[in-house]
Amino acid sequence: MDKFSGFPDDSKLSATAFPATFFTELLPMIDDLAELKVVLYTFWALNQKEGLFRYLLREEYDNDILLDGLKKAKPDDDPQATLENALALTVARGILLCTTVNLPDNEIEIFCVNTHKGRVAISQVQAGEYKQGVNGRPIEILPERPNIYSAYENHIGLLAPFITDALKDAEKNYPNEWIIDAIDRAAKANKRNWRYIEAILKRWESEGRGDEYAGRLDEQDGKRYITGKYANFIEH
């Protein structure tokens, strides 16, 4: 039996965080030592990464630390085969998420932990929402684009039924990025009402987009440019 010499001084320790559910729900499920070692390694390795969306490449699991540990877990098996099986178990159990990315010169496989951010990351990659990476990372995963309804709720207020209808109508006439940008500008100008937002959109439609419009749409502007069934609603 190999004997551990103990952890170093507390001031020299770096910590790896685990969610509480790892111990209360997941740990009792895992019945394969190699699978457990792969999961522990994944949490540790991702903790060394930076950025909004963290992932591991398949080849990052091919290292002496993990492979030596897998050899101890199953000494009669090839450690690469043990690794492949353990990774398959973590994905099948829903601990890790995995997807393939086709790059111009090769194909890569990435793994994320099954958290909210991990699910978003995999979804974004599968939707092609990534770009060339930096600092040795093959890809940078792009954040989700907010939809116009969540943007309104986050920046303006609750979605009353007539606001939902107004946003649906706006979607037919303007690009989503225009609507989201108009909502953002209205919030920054402290003009949190649909009239002001639609005034921005109408002005962009007639005069073209430009940053110079951000400061020119005051409340009177909003009254001048709004028409139709929502004209009676000013402050919402």
C-alpha atoms as a PDB file:
ATOM      1  CA  MET A   1       0.000   0.000   0.000  1.00  0.00           C
ATOM      2  CA  ASP A   2       1.294   3.455  -0.923  1.00  0.00           C
ATOM      3  CA  LYS A   3       1.372   5.811   2.049  1.00  0.00           C
ATOM      4  CA  PHE A   4       0.417   9.509   1.864  1.00  0.00           C
ATOM      5  CA  SER A   5       2.846  11.901   3.526  1.00  0.00           C
ATOM      6  CA  GLY A   6       0.207  14.484   4.401  1.00  0.00           C
ATOM      7  CA  PHE A   7      -0.967  17.822   3.059  1.00  0.00           C
ATOM      8  CA  PRO A   8       1.375  20.827   3.086  1.00  0.00           C
ATOM      9  CA  ASP A   9       0.949  23.872   5.318  1.00  0.00           C
ATOM     10  CA  ASP A  10      -2.552  25.368   5.077  1.00  0.00           C
ATOM     11  CA  SER A  11      -1.180  28.617   3.625  1.00  0.00           C
ATOM     12  CA  LYS A  12       0.141  26.698   0.626  1.00  0.00           C
ATOM     13  CA  LEU A  13      -3.041  24.781  -0.108  1.00  0.00           C
ATOM     14  CA  SER A  14      -5.240  25.642  -3.062  1.00  0.00           C
ATOM     15  CA  ALA A  15      -8.866  24.604  -2.822  1.00  0.00           C
ATOM     16  CA  THR A  16     -11.163  22.959  -5.358  1.00  0.00           C
ATOM     17  CA  ALA A  17     -14.850  23.655  -4.777  1.00  0.00           C
ATOM     18  CA  PHE A  18     -17.519  20.965  -5.041  1.00  0.00           C
ATOM     19  CA  PRO A  19     -21.267  21.582  -4.904  1.00  0.00           C
ATOM     20  CA  ALA A  20     -22.978  20.099  -1.851  1.00  0.00           C
ATOM     21  CA  THR A  21     -25.045  17.807  -4.075  1.00  0.00           C
ATOM     22  CA  PHE A  22     -21.829  16.090  -5.121  1.00  0.00           C
ATOM     23  CA  PHE A  23     -21.649  14.572  -1.619  1.00  0.00           C
ATOM     24  CA  THR A  24     -25.361  14.254  -0.844  1.00  0.00           C
ATOM     25  CA  GLU A  25     -26.657  12.912  -4.172  1.00  0.00           C
ATOM     26  CA  LEU A  26     -23.917  12.031  -6.612  1.00  0.00           C
ATOM     27  CA  LEU A  27     -21.325  10.301  -4.437  1.00  0.00           C
ATOM     28  CA  PRO A  28     -23.756   7.592  -3.265  1.00  0.00           C
ATOM     29  CA  MET A  29     -24.588   6.828  -6.925  1.00  0.00           C
ATOM     30  CA  ILE A  30     -21.037   6.218  -8.135  1.00  0.00           C
ATOM     31  CA  ASP A  31     -20.102   2.561  -7.883  1.00  0.00           C
ATOM     32  CA  ASP A  32     -17.007   2.568 -10.082  1.00  0.00           C
ATOM     33  CA  LEU A  33     -13.690   3.784  -8.660  1.00  0.00           C
ATOM     34  CA  ALA A  34     -12.322   4.806 -12.058  1.00  0.00           C
ATOM     35  CA  GLU A  35     -15.448   6.858 -12.732  1.00  0.00           C
ATOM     36  CA  LEU A  36     -15.046   8.617  -9.380  1.00  0.00           C
ATOM     37  CA  LYS A  37     -11.397   9.420 -10.123  1.00  0.00           C
ATOM     38  CA  VAL A  38     -12.330  10.905 -13.506  1.00  0.00           C
ATOM     39  CA  VAL A  39     -15.001  13.076 -11.900  1.00  0.00           C
ATOM     40  CA  LEU A  40     -12.643  14.310  -9.177  1.00  0.00           C
ATOM     41  CA  TYR A  41      -9.954  15.046 -11.740  1.00  0.00           C
ATOM     42  CA  THR A  42     -12.438  16.949 -13.928  1.00  0.00           C
ATOM     43  CA  PHE A  43     -13.445  19.272 -11.085  1.00  0.00           C
ATOM     44  CA  TRP A  44      -9.800  19.896 -10.210  1.00  0.00           C
ATOM     45  CA  ALA A  45      -8.695  20.480 -13.819  1.00  0.00           C
ATOM     46  CA  LEU A  46     -11.594  22.822 -14.623  1.00  0.00           C
ATOM     47  CA  ASN A  47     -10.713  24.831 -11.528  1.00  0.00           C
ATOM     48  CA  GLN A  48      -7.395  25.664 -13.237  1.00  0.00           C
ATOM     49  CA  LYS A  49      -9.188  27.158 -16.250  1.00  0.00           C
ATOM     50  CA  GLU A  50     -10.383  30.700 -16.769  1.00  0.00           C
ATOM     51  CA  GLY A  51     -13.287  32.240 -18.632  1.00  0.00           C
ATOM     52  CA  LEU A  52     -17.063  32.209 -18.488  1.00  0.00           C
ATOM     53  CA  PHE A  53     -17.385  28.708 -19.960  1.00  0.00           C
ATOM     54  CA  ARG A  54     -14.794  26.159 -18.893  1.00  0.00           C
ATOM     55  CA  TYR A  55     -14.244  22.865 -20.639  1.00  0.00           C
ATOM     56  CA  LEU A  56     -11.696  20.072 -20.929  1.00  0.00           C
ATOM     57  CA  LEU A  57     -10.446  18.596 -24.148  1.00  0.00           C
ATOM     58  CA  ARG A  58     -10.414  14.835 -24.445  1.00  0.00           C
ATOM     59  CA  GLU A  59      -6.606  14.849 -24.656  1.00  0.00           C
ATOM     60  CA  GLU A  60      -6.355  16.718 -21.366  1.00  0.00           C
ATOM     61  CA  TYR A  61      -7.384  13.519 -19.627  1.00  0.00           C
ATOM     62  CA  ASP A  62      -4.316  11.781 -21.071  1.00  0.00           C
ATOM     63  CA  ASN A  63      -1.869  12.673 -18.321  1.00  0.00           C
ATOM     64  CA  ASP A  64       0.203  10.727 -15.849  1.00  0.00           C
ATOM     65  CA  ILE A  65      -1.691  11.921 -12.757  1.00  0.00           C
ATOM     66  CA  LEU A  66      -5.003  10.513 -13.919  1.00  0.00           C
ATOM     67  CA  LEU A  67      -3.732   7.515 -15.860  1.00  0.00           C
ATOM     68  CA  ASP A  68      -1.585   6.356 -12.923  1.00  0.00           C
ATOM     69  CA  GLY A  69      -4.637   6.648 -10.683  1.00  0.00           C
ATOM     70  CA  LEU A  70      -6.730   4.641 -13.112  1.00  0.00           C
ATOM     71  CA  LYS A  71      -4.049   1.978 -13.277  1.00  0.00           C
ATOM     72  CA  LYS A  72      -4.295   1.629  -9.502  1.00  0.00           C
ATOM     73  CA  ALA A  73      -8.083   1.426  -9.724  1.00  0.00           C
ATOM     74  CA  LYS A  74      -7.997  -1.374 -12.312  1.00  0.00           C
ATOM     75  CA  PRO A  75      -4.470  -2.830 -12.451  1.00  0.00           C
ATOM     76  CA  ASP A  76      -5.379  -5.625 -14.849  1.00  0.00           C
ATOM     77  CA  ASP A  77      -6.751  -3.287 -17.530  1.00  0.00           C
ATOM     78  CA  ASP A  78      -5.138  -0.903 -19.976  1.00  0.00           C
ATOM     79  CA  PRO A  79      -5.444   2.583 -18.399  1.00  0.00           C
ATOM     80  CA  GLN A  80      -6.562   4.120 -21.703  1.00  0.00           C
ATOM     81  CA  ALA A  81      -9.391   1.615 -21.933  1.00  0.00           C
ATOM     82  CA  THR A  82     -10.250   2.303 -18.295  1.00  0.00           C
ATOM     83  CA  LEU A  83     -10.300   6.036 -19.050  1.00  0.00           C
ATOM     84  CA  GLU A  84     -12.579   5.630 -22.058  1.00  0.00           C
ATOM     85  CA  ASN A  85     -14.974   3.492 -20.048  1.00  0.00           C
ATOM     86  CA  ALA A  86     -14.945   5.896 -17.097  1.00  0.00           C
ATOM     87  CA  LEU A  87     -15.634   8.898 -19.331  1.00  0.00           C
ATOM     88  CA  ALA A  88     -18.505   7.007 -20.961  1.00  0.00           C
ATOM     89  CA  LEU A  89     -19.925   6.247 -17.500  1.00  0.00           C
ATOM     90  CA  THR A  90     -19.781   9.890 -16.402  1.00  0.00           C
ATOM     91  CA  VAL A  91     -21.607  10.992 -19.545  1.00  0.00           C
ATOM     92  CA  ALA A  92     -24.184   8.193 -19.317  1.00  0.00           C
ATOM     93  CA  ARG A  93     -24.837   9.052 -15.668  1.00  0.00           C
ATOM     94  CA  GLY A  94     -25.223  12.733 -16.511  1.00  0.00           C
ATOM     95  CA  ILE A  95     -22.252  13.975 -14.501  1.00  0.00           C
ATOM     96  CA  LEU A  96     -20.341  15.262 -17.503  1.00  0.00           C
ATOM     97  CA  LEU A  97     -21.591  16.574 -20.824  1.00  0.00           C
ATOM     98  CA  CYS A  98     -19.706  15.972 -24.040  1.00  0.00           C
ATOM     99  CA  THR A  99     -19.868  17.182 -27.601  1.00  0.00           C
ATOM    100  CA  THR A 100     -17.739  17.083 -30.742  1.00  0.00           C
ATOM    101  CA  VAL A 101     -16.548  20.272 -32.432  1.00  0.00           C
ATOM    102  CA  ASN A 102     -15.570  20.264 -36.091  1.00  0.00           C
ATOM    103  CA  LEU A 103     -12.745  22.744 -36.699  1.00  0.00           C
ATOM    104  CA  PRO A 104     -11.248  23.624 -40.090  1.00  0.00           C
ATOM    105  CA  ASP A 105      -8.217  21.367 -39.614  1.00  0.00           C
ATOM    106  CA  ASN A 106      -9.349  18.797 -37.058  1.00  0.00           C
ATOM    107  CA  GLU A 107     -12.097  17.535 -34.795  1.00  0.00           C
ATOM    108  CA  ILE A 108     -12.062  17.971 -31.037  1.00  0.00           C
ATOM    109  CA  GLU A 109     -14.120  16.565 -28.194  1.00  0.00           C
ATOM    110  CA  ILE A 110     -14.933  18.746 -25.172  1.00  0.00           C
ATOM    111  CA  PHE A 111     -16.299  17.904 -21.716  1.00  0.00           C
ATOM    112  CA  CYS A 112     -18.168  20.137 -19.268  1.00  0.00           C
ATOM    113  CA  VAL A 113     -19.660  19.446 -15.852  1.00  0.00           C
ATOM    114  CA  ASN A 114     -23.451  19.160 -15.967  1.00  0.00           C
ATOM    115  CA  THR A 115     -24.162  22.525 -14.328  1.00  0.00           C
ATOM    116  CA  HIS A 116     -26.255  25.351 -15.746  1.00  0.00           C
ATOM    117  CA  LYS A 117     -23.163  26.913 -17.303  1.00  0.00           C
ATOM    118  CA  GLY A 118     -22.048  23.544 -18.610  1.00  0.00           C
ATOM    119  CA  ARG A 119     -25.409  22.942 -20.258  1.00  0.00           C
ATOM    120  CA  VAL A 120     -25.362  26.402 -21.808  1.00  0.00           C
ATOM    121  CA  ALA A 121     -21.798  25.843 -23.041  1.00  0.00           C
ATOM    122  CA  ILE A 122     -22.639  22.566 -24.757  1.00  0.00           C
ATOM    123  CA  SER A 123     -25.827  24.026 -26.229  1.00  0.00           C
ATOM    124  CA  GLN A 124     -23.936  27.032 -27.573  1.00  0.00           C
ATOM    125  CA  VAL A 125     -21.248  24.847 -29.144  1.00  0.00           C
ATOM    126  CA  GLN A 126     -23.848  22.611 -30.778  1.00  0.00           C
ATOM    127  CA  ALA A 127     -25.546  25.728 -32.147  1.00  0.00           C
ATOM    128  CA  GLY A 128     -22.222  26.926 -33.604  1.00  0.00           C
ATOM    129  CA  GLU A 129     -21.975  29.819 -31.140  1.00  0.00           C
ATOM    130  CA  TYR A 130     -18.201  29.828 -30.656  1.00  0.00           C
ATOM    131  CA  LYS A 131     -15.161  31.459 -32.179  1.00  0.00           C
ATOM    132  CA  GLN A 132     -11.453  30.811 -32.432  1.00  0.00           C
ATOM    133  CA  GLY A 133      -9.921  30.584 -28.990  1.00  0.00           C
ATOM    134  CA  VAL A 134      -6.922  32.263 -27.419  1.00  0.00           C
ATOM    135  CA  ASN A 135      -4.118  31.217 -25.073  1.00  0.00           C
ATOM    136  CA  GLY A 136      -3.928  27.713 -26.448  1.00  0.00           C
ATOM    137  CA  ARG A 137      -7.676  27.038 -26.262  1.00  0.00           C
ATOM    138  CA  PRO A 138      -9.099  25.874 -29.616  1.00  0.00           C
ATOM    139  CA  ILE A 139     -12.468  27.598 -29.161  1.00  0.00           C
ATOM    140  CA  GLU A 140     -14.056  30.348 -27.108  1.00  0.00           C
ATOM    141  CA  ILE A 141     -17.690  29.607 -26.331  1.00  0.00           C
ATOM    142  CA  LEU A 142     -19.941  32.630 -26.783  1.00  0.00           C
ATOM    143  CA  PRO A 143     -22.573  33.580 -24.173  1.00  0.00           C
ATOM    144  CA  GLU A 144     -26.270  33.176 -24.847  1.00  0.00           C
ATOM    145  CA  ARG A 145     -27.969  36.011 -26.629  1.00  0.00           C
ATOM    146  CA  PRO A 146     -30.805  37.295 -24.461  1.00  0.00           C
ATOM    147  CA  ASN A 147     -34.249  37.094 -26.004  1.00  0.00           C
ATOM    148  CA  ILE A 148     -36.347  40.234 -26.134  1.00  0.00           C
ATOM    149  CA  TYR A 149     -38.770  39.078 -23.430  1.00  0.00           C
ATOM    150  CA  SER A 150     -36.100  38.344 -20.817  1.00  0.00           C
ATOM    151  CA  ALA A 151     -34.336  41.574 -21.797  1.00  0.00           C
ATOM    152  CA  TYR A 152     -37.534  43.541 -21.144  1.00  0.00           C
ATOM    153  CA  GLU A 153     -38.123  41.851 -17.777  1.00  0.00           C
ATOM    154  CA  ASN A 154     -34.502  42.337 -16.708  1.00  0.00           C
ATOM    155  CA  HIS A 155     -34.258  46.001 -17.701  1.00  0.00           C
ATOM    156  CA  ILE A 156     -37.770  47.450 -17.752  1.00  0.00           C
ATOM    157  CA  GLY A 157     -40.272  45.467 -15.687  1.00  0.00           C
ATOM    158  CA  LEU A 158     -42.907  42.763 -15.652  1.00  0.00           C
ATOM    159  CA  LEU A 159     -44.395  41.594 -18.923  1.00  0.00           C
ATOM    160  CA  ALA A 160     -47.993  42.792 -18.932  1.00  0.00           C
ATOM    161  CA  PRO A 161     -50.118  41.115 -21.627  1.00  0.00           C
ATOM    162  CA  PHE A 162     -50.121  44.202 -23.859  1.00  0.00           C
ATOM    163  CA  ILE A 163     -46.312  44.429 -23.580  1.00  0.00           C
ATOM    164  CA  THR A 164     -46.010  40.804 -24.674  1.00  0.00           C
ATOM    165  CA  ASP A 165     -48.226  41.590 -27.665  1.00  0.00           C
ATOM    166  CA  ALA A 166     -46.172  44.692 -28.445  1.00  0.00           C
ATOM    167  CA  LEU A 167     -42.939  42.705 -28.370  1.00  0.00           C
ATOM    168  CA  LYS A 168     -44.450  40.062 -30.655  1.00  0.00           C
ATOM    169  CA  ASP A 169     -45.408  42.786 -33.107  1.00  0.00           C
ATOM    170  CA  ALA A 170     -41.946  44.346 -32.846  1.00  0.00           C
ATOM    171  CA  GLU A 171     -40.337  40.990 -33.656  1.00  0.00           C
ATOM    172  CA  LYS A 172     -42.138  41.039 -37.008  1.00  0.00           C
ATOM    173  CA  ASN A 173     -40.770  44.466 -37.902  1.00  0.00           C
ATOM    174  CA  TYR A 174     -37.294  44.738 -36.366  1.00  0.00           C
ATOM    175  CA  PRO A 175     -34.249  42.487 -35.810  1.00  0.00           C
ATOM    176  CA  ASN A 176     -34.037  41.094 -32.281  1.00  0.00           C
ATOM    177  CA  GLU A 177     -30.727  42.833 -31.654  1.00  0.00           C
ATOM    178  CA  TRP A 178     -32.384  46.184 -32.396  1.00  0.00           C
ATOM    179  CA  ILE A 179     -35.120  45.514 -29.857  1.00  0.00           C
ATOM    180  CA  ILE A 180     -32.684  44.358 -27.186  1.00  0.00           C
ATOM    181  CA  ASP A 181     -30.442  47.366 -27.816  1.00  0.00           C
ATOM    182  CA  ALA A 182     -33.423  49.736 -27.663  1.00  0.00           C
ATOM    183  CA  ILE A 183     -34.519  48.191 -24.353  1.00  0.00           C
ATOM    184  CA  ASP A 184     -31.016  48.602 -22.987  1.00  0.00           C
ATOM    185  CA  ARG A 185     -30.860  52.242 -24.075  1.00  0.00           C
ATOM    186  CA  ALA A 186     -34.248  52.997 -22.568  1.00  0.00           C
ATOM    187  CA  ALA A 187     -33.135  51.524 -19.240  1.00  0.00           C
ATOM    188  CA  LYS A 188     -29.879  53.505 -19.269  1.00  0.00           C
ATOM    189  CA  ALA A 189     -31.839  56.686 -20.001  1.00  0.00           C
ATOM    190  CA  ASN A 190     -34.220  55.791 -17.118  1.00  0.00           C
ATOM    191  CA  LYS A 191     -37.135  55.820 -19.581  1.00  0.00           C
ATOM    192  CA  ARG A 192     -38.581  52.455 -18.652  1.00  0.00           C
ATOM    193  CA  ASN A 193     -41.654  52.380 -20.843  1.00  0.00           C
ATOM    194  CA  TRP A 194     -42.645  50.768 -24.103  1.00  0.00           C
ATOM    195  CA  ARG A 195     -43.369  54.119 -25.793  1.00  0.00           C
ATOM    196  CA  TYR A 196     -39.764  55.191 -25.486  1.00  0.00           C
ATOM    197  CA  ILE A 197     -38.471  51.826 -26.744  1.00  0.00           C
ATOM    198  CA  GLU A 198     -40.710  51.863 -29.789  1.00  0.00           C
ATOM    199  CA  ALA A 199     -39.718  55.458 -30.507  1.00  0.00           C
ATOM    200  CA  ILE A 200     -36.088  54.353 -30.702  1.00  0.00           C
ATOM    201  CA  LEU A 201     -37.000  51.532 -33.077  1.00  0.00           C
ATOM    202  CA  LYS A 202     -39.082  53.777 -35.328  1.00  0.00           C
ATOM    203  CA  ARG A 203     -36.317  56.351 -35.499  1.00  0.00           C
ATOM    204  CA  TRP A 204     -33.745  53.687 -36.394  1.00  0.00           C
ATOM    205  CA  GLU A 205     -36.083  52.365 -39.064  1.00  0.00           C
ATOM    206  CA  SER A 206     -36.554  55.782 -40.654  1.00  0.00           C
ATOM    207  CA  GLU A 207     -33.141  57.352 -40.101  1.00  0.00           C
ATOM    208  CA  GLY A 208     -30.767  54.441 -39.572  1.00  0.00           C
ATOM    209  CA  ARG A 209     -29.065  53.256 -36.415  1.00  0.00           C
ATOM    210  CA  GLY A 210     -26.470  55.404 -34.751  1.00  0.00           C
ATOM    211  CA  ASP A 211     -25.229  56.112 -31.238  1.00  0.00           C
ATOM    212  CA  GLU A 212     -26.213  59.751 -31.639  1.00  0.00           C
ATOM    213  CA  TYR A 213     -29.861  58.745 -31.220  1.00  0.00           C
ATOM    214  CA  ALA A 214     -29.382  57.421 -27.713  1.00  0.00           C
ATOM    215  CA  GLY A 215     -29.488  60.832 -26.099  1.00  0.00           C
ATOM    216  CA  ARG A 216     -32.086  62.402 -28.364  1.00  0.00           C
ATOM    217  CA  LEU A 217     -35.123  60.277 -27.564  1.00  0.00           C
ATOM    218  CA  ASP A 218     -36.705  61.997 -24.597  1.00  0.00           C
ATOM    219  CA  GLU A 219     -40.196  61.381 -23.336  1.00  0.00           C
ATOM    220  CA  GLN A 220     -41.704  63.870 -25.782  1.00  0.00           C
ATOM    221  CA  ASP A 221     -39.961  62.038 -28.610  1.00  0.00           C
ATOM    222  CA  GLY A 222     -41.654  58.876 -27.436  1.00  0.00           C
ATOM    223  CA  LYS A 223     -45.074  60.496 -27.531  1.00  0.00           C
ATOM    224  CA  ARG A 224     -44.437  61.833 -31.030  1.00  0.00           C
ATOM    225  CA  TYR A 225     -43.407  58.504 -32.531  1.00  0.00           C
ATOM    226  CA  ILE A 226     -45.858  56.046 -30.959  1.00  0.00           C
ATOM    227  CA  THR A 227     -49.130  55.201 -32.659  1.00  0.00           C
ATOM    228  CA  GLY A 228     -51.604  52.346 -32.740  1.00  0.00           C
ATOM    229  CA  LYS A 229     -53.273  50.291 -30.042  1.00  0.00           C
ATOM    230  CA  TYR A 230     -50.497  50.870 -27.489  1.00  0.00           C
ATOM    231  CA  ALA A 231     -50.551  54.673 -27.764  1.00  0.00           C
ATOM    232  CA  ASN A 232     -52.474  55.100 -24.527  1.00  0.00           C
ATOM    233  CA  PHE A 233     -49.814  53.368 -22.462  1.00  0.00           C
ATOM    234  CA  ILE A 234     -47.014  55.712 -21.450  1.00  0.00           C
ATOM    235  CA  GLU A 235     -45.335  54.478 -18.309  1.00  0.00           C
ATOM    236  CA  HIS A 236     -45.039  50.687 -17.780  1.00  0.00           C
END
